[in-house]
Amino acid sequence: MVVRVIQTEIQILSWKMPKVDVDIDEDGRMLLAEVVGAYSTEAKKLGSIILKLIADGLGPEFGYFKNQLGERLLSSINHYPPCPGPSLTLGLPKHCDPNLITIHFQGDVSGLQDGERIGVDPLPNAFVINNRLCIA
């Protein structure tokens, strides 16, 4: 599990699985790099399409976002297996993602609403797009 430290309290509120060493040979590393590279390229294209649709809906030309945002793509791969002691885990504090949009591949995990988990089944093979709190 990857935990992005936003505040020091996160270290107390979250739990980590023990580190597991994975032995991947050179061919496996090359394949992994190829797959992650291809996924990153397509994710960046998807982000550009979404930003263009947002810009079209708001009125300004797409160049507005392109000139205002960096070209860097941030990727974070998280895996959230069931916690062995859920009553002892408080969860992450409220936070805002540091980017304009966040693209999630949700897998089979339902989401949160008003800070509470709700029973909404994820759409198979779909992305969830979250935006920042506001677009200025």
Protein backbone atom coordinates (compact mmCIF):
# COMPACT_ATOMS: atom_id res chain seq x y z
CA MET A 1 0.00 0.00 0.00
CA VAL A 2 1.31 3.44 -0.89
CA VAL A 3 0.52 6.26 1.53
CA ARG A 4 1.13 9.83 0.43
CA VAL A 5 1.99 11.79 3.57
CA ILE A 6 -0.05 14.98 3.62
CA GLN A 7 0.11 15.62 7.35
CA THR A 8 2.01 13.82 10.07
CA GLU A 9 -1.30 12.56 11.51
CA ILE A 10 -1.72 10.29 8.49
CA GLN A 11 1.05 8.08 9.81
CA ILE A 12 -1.01 7.51 12.95
CA LEU A 13 -4.40 7.18 11.24
CA SER A 14 -3.46 4.74 8.50
CA TRP A 15 -1.93 1.29 8.46
CA LYS A 16 0.60 -0.34 6.18
CA MET A 17 1.03 -3.89 5.06
CA PRO A 18 4.45 -5.37 5.74
CA LYS A 19 6.88 -4.78 2.88
CA VAL A 20 7.11 -7.72 0.52
CA ASP A 21 10.13 -8.15 -1.71
CA VAL A 22 9.16 -9.17 -5.22
CA ASP A 23 11.78 -10.84 -7.33
CA ILE A 24 11.33 -9.67 -10.92
CA ASP A 25 13.84 -10.67 -13.56
CA GLU A 26 15.13 -8.24 -16.22
CA ASP A 27 12.45 -9.27 -18.73
CA GLY A 28 9.77 -8.65 -16.11
CA ARG A 29 11.18 -5.20 -15.30
CA MET A 30 11.27 -4.30 -18.99
CA LEU A 31 7.67 -5.46 -19.45
CA LEU A 32 6.55 -3.52 -16.37
CA ALA A 33 8.28 -0.36 -17.62
CA GLU A 34 6.64 -0.80 -21.03
CA VAL A 35 3.15 -1.31 -19.57
CA VAL A 36 3.45 1.59 -17.10
CA GLY A 37 4.80 3.84 -19.86
CA ALA A 38 1.93 2.99 -22.22
CA TYR A 39 -0.63 3.45 -19.43
CA SER A 40 0.87 6.83 -18.49
CA THR A 41 0.75 8.01 -22.11
CA GLU A 42 -2.92 7.06 -22.43
CA ALA A 43 -3.80 8.54 -19.02
CA LYS A 44 -2.23 11.85 -20.06
CA LYS A 45 -4.27 11.80 -23.30
CA LEU A 46 -7.45 11.11 -21.30
CA GLY A 47 -6.64 14.00 -18.95
CA SER A 48 -6.15 16.34 -21.91
CA ILE A 49 -9.51 15.32 -23.39
CA ILE A 50 -11.27 15.88 -20.06
CA LEU A 51 -9.65 19.31 -19.61
CA LYS A 52 -10.67 20.28 -23.14
CA LEU A 53 -14.27 19.29 -22.40
CA ILE A 54 -14.21 21.31 -19.17
CA ALA A 55 -12.72 24.33 -20.96
CA ASP A 56 -15.28 24.04 -23.77
CA GLY A 57 -18.06 23.95 -21.19
CA LEU A 58 -16.70 26.97 -19.33
CA GLY A 59 -16.04 28.97 -22.47
CA PRO A 60 -12.29 29.70 -22.46
CA GLU A 61 -10.16 28.11 -25.15
CA PHE A 62 -8.37 24.88 -24.24
CA GLY A 63 -5.08 26.79 -24.37
CA TYR A 64 -6.09 28.43 -21.10
CA PHE A 65 -5.53 25.20 -19.20
CA LYS A 66 -2.52 24.20 -21.26
CA ASN A 67 -0.72 27.47 -20.48
CA GLN A 68 -1.69 27.40 -16.81
CA LEU A 69 -0.85 23.79 -15.94
CA GLY A 70 2.41 21.89 -15.94
CA GLU A 71 3.10 19.05 -18.34
CA ARG A 72 4.11 16.61 -15.60
CA LEU A 73 1.98 13.54 -14.99
CA LEU A 74 1.76 12.30 -11.40
CA SER A 75 0.95 8.62 -10.98
CA SER A 76 0.16 6.86 -7.76
CA ILE A 77 -0.75 3.20 -7.61
CA ASN A 78 -2.56 2.27 -4.43
CA HIS A 79 -3.91 -1.04 -3.21
CA TYR A 80 -6.26 -1.07 -0.24
CA PRO A 81 -6.65 -4.60 1.10
CA PRO A 82 -8.98 -5.13 4.06
CA CYS A 83 -7.50 -3.82 7.31
CA PRO A 84 -6.84 -6.56 9.87
CA GLY A 85 -8.15 -4.32 12.68
CA PRO A 86 -10.70 -1.91 11.17
CA SER A 87 -11.98 -0.77 14.56
CA LEU A 88 -8.46 0.46 15.35
CA THR A 89 -8.08 2.43 12.10
CA LEU A 90 -9.50 5.94 11.86
CA GLY A 91 -8.78 6.49 8.16
CA LEU A 92 -7.29 9.44 6.34
CA PRO A 93 -8.16 13.00 7.36
CA LYS A 94 -10.06 15.22 4.92
CA HIS A 95 -7.79 16.41 2.14
CA CYS A 96 -7.80 17.92 -1.33
CA ASP A 97 -5.81 16.41 -4.18
CA PRO A 98 -3.04 18.79 -5.30
CA ASN A 99 -4.00 18.74 -8.99
CA LEU A 100 -6.85 20.13 -11.11
CA ILE A 101 -8.28 16.68 -11.89
CA THR A 102 -7.60 13.22 -10.54
CA ILE A 103 -8.30 10.16 -12.67
CA HIS A 104 -9.08 7.02 -10.65
CA PHE A 105 -9.44 3.51 -11.89
CA GLN A 106 -11.64 2.40 -9.04
CA GLY A 107 -11.59 -1.36 -9.45
CA ASP A 108 -14.23 -3.05 -7.31
CA VAL A 109 -14.25 -0.63 -4.35
CA SER A 110 -17.26 1.59 -3.66
CA GLY A 111 -16.86 5.28 -2.83
CA LEU A 112 -17.48 7.87 -0.14
CA GLN A 113 -20.16 10.55 0.08
CA ASP A 114 -20.24 13.20 2.79
CA GLY A 115 -17.42 11.32 4.49
CA GLU A 116 -19.45 8.11 4.70
CA ARG A 117 -19.05 4.97 2.61
CA ILE A 118 -22.05 4.43 0.38
CA GLY A 119 -23.15 1.34 -1.50
CA VAL A 120 -22.59 2.46 -5.08
CA ASP A 121 -21.26 -0.31 -7.23
CA PRO A 122 -18.33 0.82 -9.41
CA LEU A 123 -18.81 0.60 -13.16
CA PRO A 124 -16.59 -2.15 -14.57
CA ASN A 125 -13.60 -0.86 -16.54
CA ALA A 126 -14.55 2.79 -15.91
CA PHE A 127 -12.58 5.76 -14.67
CA VAL A 128 -13.79 8.14 -11.95
CA ILE A 129 -12.80 11.77 -12.50
CA ASN A 130 -12.50 14.05 -9.47
CA ASN A 131 -11.91 17.77 -9.72
CA ARG A 132 -10.43 20.12 -7.17
CA LEU A 133 -12.75 21.99 -4.87
CA CYS A 134 -13.07 24.84 -7.36
CA ILE A 135 -11.83 25.98 -10.74
CA ALA A 136 -10.73 29.61 -10.68
